[in-house]
Amino acid sequence: MAEKRGSTSKKRSIKSRQKNPVPGIDYSEIRISDEKDVGTGTFTTVLEPNAMAKINPIISSIMNEPVFKMIVHINLAAEEVIVLLGKADKSPPISRMTFQLPKVFKTSEVLKFDAVFKDWGIKQLKMNGNSLDKIMD
């Protein structure tokens, strides 16, 4: 497809941050680089210090009915994080992945989880910048 010269069309990104959406979460933020492709982006959840020691599980979510929903379920007792991605139209998740929490880490520190998704598939979950291992469901 040929590109029009002088075209002013430009990708519009989506970025939305929610401060203290639920107890234990400092903030959550969704970043999507192209509003026409909401199935690709990053959903960040930042936990308050000691949140995992006090609250279990911690559930972070974002929803834009009926277009989009993502849920990040952090379970220290099970040593895992489950990430669900789909449409918010009562249909089952399009993508679901389980990740292993590290065996040793400090729950007393601020913990940042980045769920990376592309083309409606969960690709990666990072904790403080380090990729977590996937667990086969």
Protein backbone atom coordinates (compact mmCIF):
# COMPACT_ATOMS: atom_id res chain seq x y z
CA MET A 1 0.00 0.00 0.00
CA ALA A 2 1.45 3.37 -1.02
CA GLU A 3 1.88 6.06 1.59
CA LYS A 4 0.34 9.43 0.86
CA ARG A 5 2.83 12.27 0.77
CA GLY A 6 2.03 15.10 3.08
CA SER A 7 -0.34 12.91 5.06
CA THR A 8 -0.87 14.15 8.58
CA SER A 9 -2.07 10.82 9.92
CA LYS A 10 0.01 9.79 12.87
CA LYS A 11 -0.22 7.00 15.42
CA ARG A 12 -1.91 8.09 18.59
CA SER A 13 -0.76 6.37 21.73
CA ILE A 14 -2.68 5.57 24.88
CA LYS A 15 -1.22 6.07 28.35
CA SER A 16 -3.27 5.98 31.52
CA ARG A 17 -2.03 5.85 35.11
CA GLN A 18 -4.14 5.16 38.18
CA LYS A 19 -2.73 6.05 41.60
CA ASN A 20 -3.56 3.63 44.46
CA PRO A 21 -6.21 1.62 42.54
CA VAL A 22 -6.44 -0.96 45.35
CA PRO A 23 -4.68 -1.46 48.70
CA GLY A 24 -1.05 -2.46 48.26
CA ILE A 25 -0.65 -1.00 44.77
CA ASP A 26 1.15 2.35 44.48
CA TYR A 27 0.03 2.76 40.87
CA SER A 28 -0.86 0.90 37.70
CA GLU A 29 -0.28 2.18 34.18
CA ILE A 30 -1.23 1.03 30.69
CA ARG A 31 0.86 2.07 27.69
CA ILE A 32 -0.29 1.28 24.16
CA SER A 33 1.75 2.80 21.31
CA ASP A 34 -1.07 2.74 18.73
CA GLU A 35 -4.70 3.29 19.69
CA LYS A 36 -5.72 1.22 16.65
CA ASP A 37 -3.85 -1.80 18.09
CA VAL A 38 -4.96 -2.15 21.72
CA GLY A 39 -3.76 -5.77 21.73
CA THR A 40 -0.13 -4.58 21.92
CA GLY A 41 1.44 -2.69 24.83
CA THR A 42 2.63 -2.85 28.43
CA PHE A 43 0.66 -2.90 31.69
CA THR A 44 2.71 -1.89 34.73
CA THR A 45 1.84 -2.53 38.36
CA VAL A 46 3.99 -1.03 41.11
CA LEU A 47 3.52 -2.45 44.59
CA GLU A 48 4.03 -0.49 47.78
CA PRO A 49 6.83 -1.69 50.08
CA ASN A 50 5.70 -4.71 52.17
CA ALA A 51 2.46 -5.07 50.19
CA MET A 52 3.10 -8.72 49.33
CA ALA A 53 3.81 -9.53 52.98
CA LYS A 54 0.45 -8.05 54.06
CA ILE A 55 -1.94 -8.80 51.18
CA ASN A 56 -2.21 -12.07 49.28
CA PRO A 57 -3.15 -12.29 46.54
CA ILE A 58 -2.76 -8.84 45.02
CA ILE A 59 -4.89 -8.32 41.93
CA SER A 60 -4.18 -5.49 39.52
CA SER A 61 -6.51 -4.93 36.59
CA ILE A 62 -7.48 -2.54 33.85
CA MET A 63 -10.63 -2.59 31.79
CA ASN A 64 -12.15 -0.61 28.95
CA GLU A 65 -15.49 -2.27 28.16
CA PRO A 66 -16.04 -3.96 25.76
CA VAL A 67 -12.64 -3.53 24.09
CA PHE A 68 -9.94 -4.55 26.56
CA LYS A 69 -9.18 -6.14 29.93
CA MET A 70 -6.00 -7.27 31.63
CA ILE A 71 -5.64 -8.88 35.03
CA VAL A 72 -2.37 -9.49 36.88
CA HIS A 73 -2.86 -11.86 39.84
CA ILE A 74 0.20 -11.87 42.14
CA ASN A 75 0.19 -14.77 44.61
CA LEU A 76 3.18 -14.93 46.97
CA ALA A 77 1.93 -18.10 48.70
CA ALA A 78 1.79 -19.98 45.38
CA GLU A 79 5.01 -18.24 44.21
CA GLU A 80 3.37 -17.28 40.93
CA VAL A 81 1.81 -14.50 38.90
CA ILE A 82 -1.07 -15.20 36.51
CA VAL A 83 -1.66 -12.74 33.67
CA LEU A 84 -4.92 -12.71 31.70
CA LEU A 85 -5.57 -10.64 28.57
CA GLY A 86 -8.74 -10.34 26.56
CA LYS A 87 -11.76 -8.32 25.64
CA ALA A 88 -14.13 -7.03 28.31
CA ASP A 89 -17.21 -8.46 26.63
CA LYS A 90 -17.78 -11.48 28.90
CA SER A 91 -15.76 -13.74 26.58
CA PRO A 92 -12.96 -15.90 28.01
CA PRO A 93 -9.40 -14.54 28.01
CA ILE A 94 -7.61 -14.54 24.66
CA SER A 95 -4.24 -15.13 26.34
CA ARG A 96 -3.31 -16.55 29.76
CA MET A 97 0.17 -17.15 31.16
CA THR A 98 1.55 -18.13 34.55
CA PHE A 99 4.96 -16.93 35.68
CA GLN A 100 7.19 -18.10 38.54
CA LEU A 101 8.13 -15.57 41.20
CA PRO A 102 11.83 -15.64 42.14
CA LYS A 103 12.65 -17.94 45.06
CA VAL A 104 14.36 -15.07 46.89
CA PHE A 105 13.48 -11.38 46.78
CA LYS A 106 12.73 -8.64 49.28
CA THR A 107 9.02 -8.03 49.75
CA SER A 108 9.99 -4.95 51.80
CA GLU A 109 11.08 -3.15 48.62
CA VAL A 110 9.03 -1.48 45.91
CA LEU A 111 8.24 -4.16 43.29
CA LYS A 112 7.43 -3.28 39.69
CA PHE A 113 5.71 -5.77 37.37
CA ASP A 114 5.58 -5.10 33.61
CA ALA A 115 3.25 -7.33 31.61
CA VAL A 116 4.24 -7.07 27.94
CA PHE A 117 1.70 -8.12 25.29
CA LYS A 118 1.66 -8.13 21.49
CA ASP A 119 -1.08 -9.05 19.03
CA TRP A 120 -3.38 -10.12 21.91
CA GLY A 121 -0.78 -12.51 23.29
CA ILE A 122 1.10 -12.19 26.58
CA LYS A 123 4.80 -12.21 25.71
CA GLN A 124 6.64 -11.48 28.94
CA LEU A 125 6.37 -10.51 32.58
CA LYS A 126 9.18 -8.57 34.20
CA MET A 127 9.72 -7.94 37.89
CA ASN A 128 11.99 -4.96 38.55
CA GLY A 129 13.29 -5.26 34.98
CA ASN A 130 14.07 -8.99 35.11
CA SER A 131 12.04 -11.46 33.04
CA LEU A 132 10.17 -14.06 35.06
CA ASP A 133 10.13 -17.69 33.94
CA LYS A 134 6.93 -19.01 32.41
CA ILE A 135 5.19 -21.96 34.06
CA MET A 136 3.46 -24.38 31.72
CA ASP A 137 -0.29 -24.42 32.40
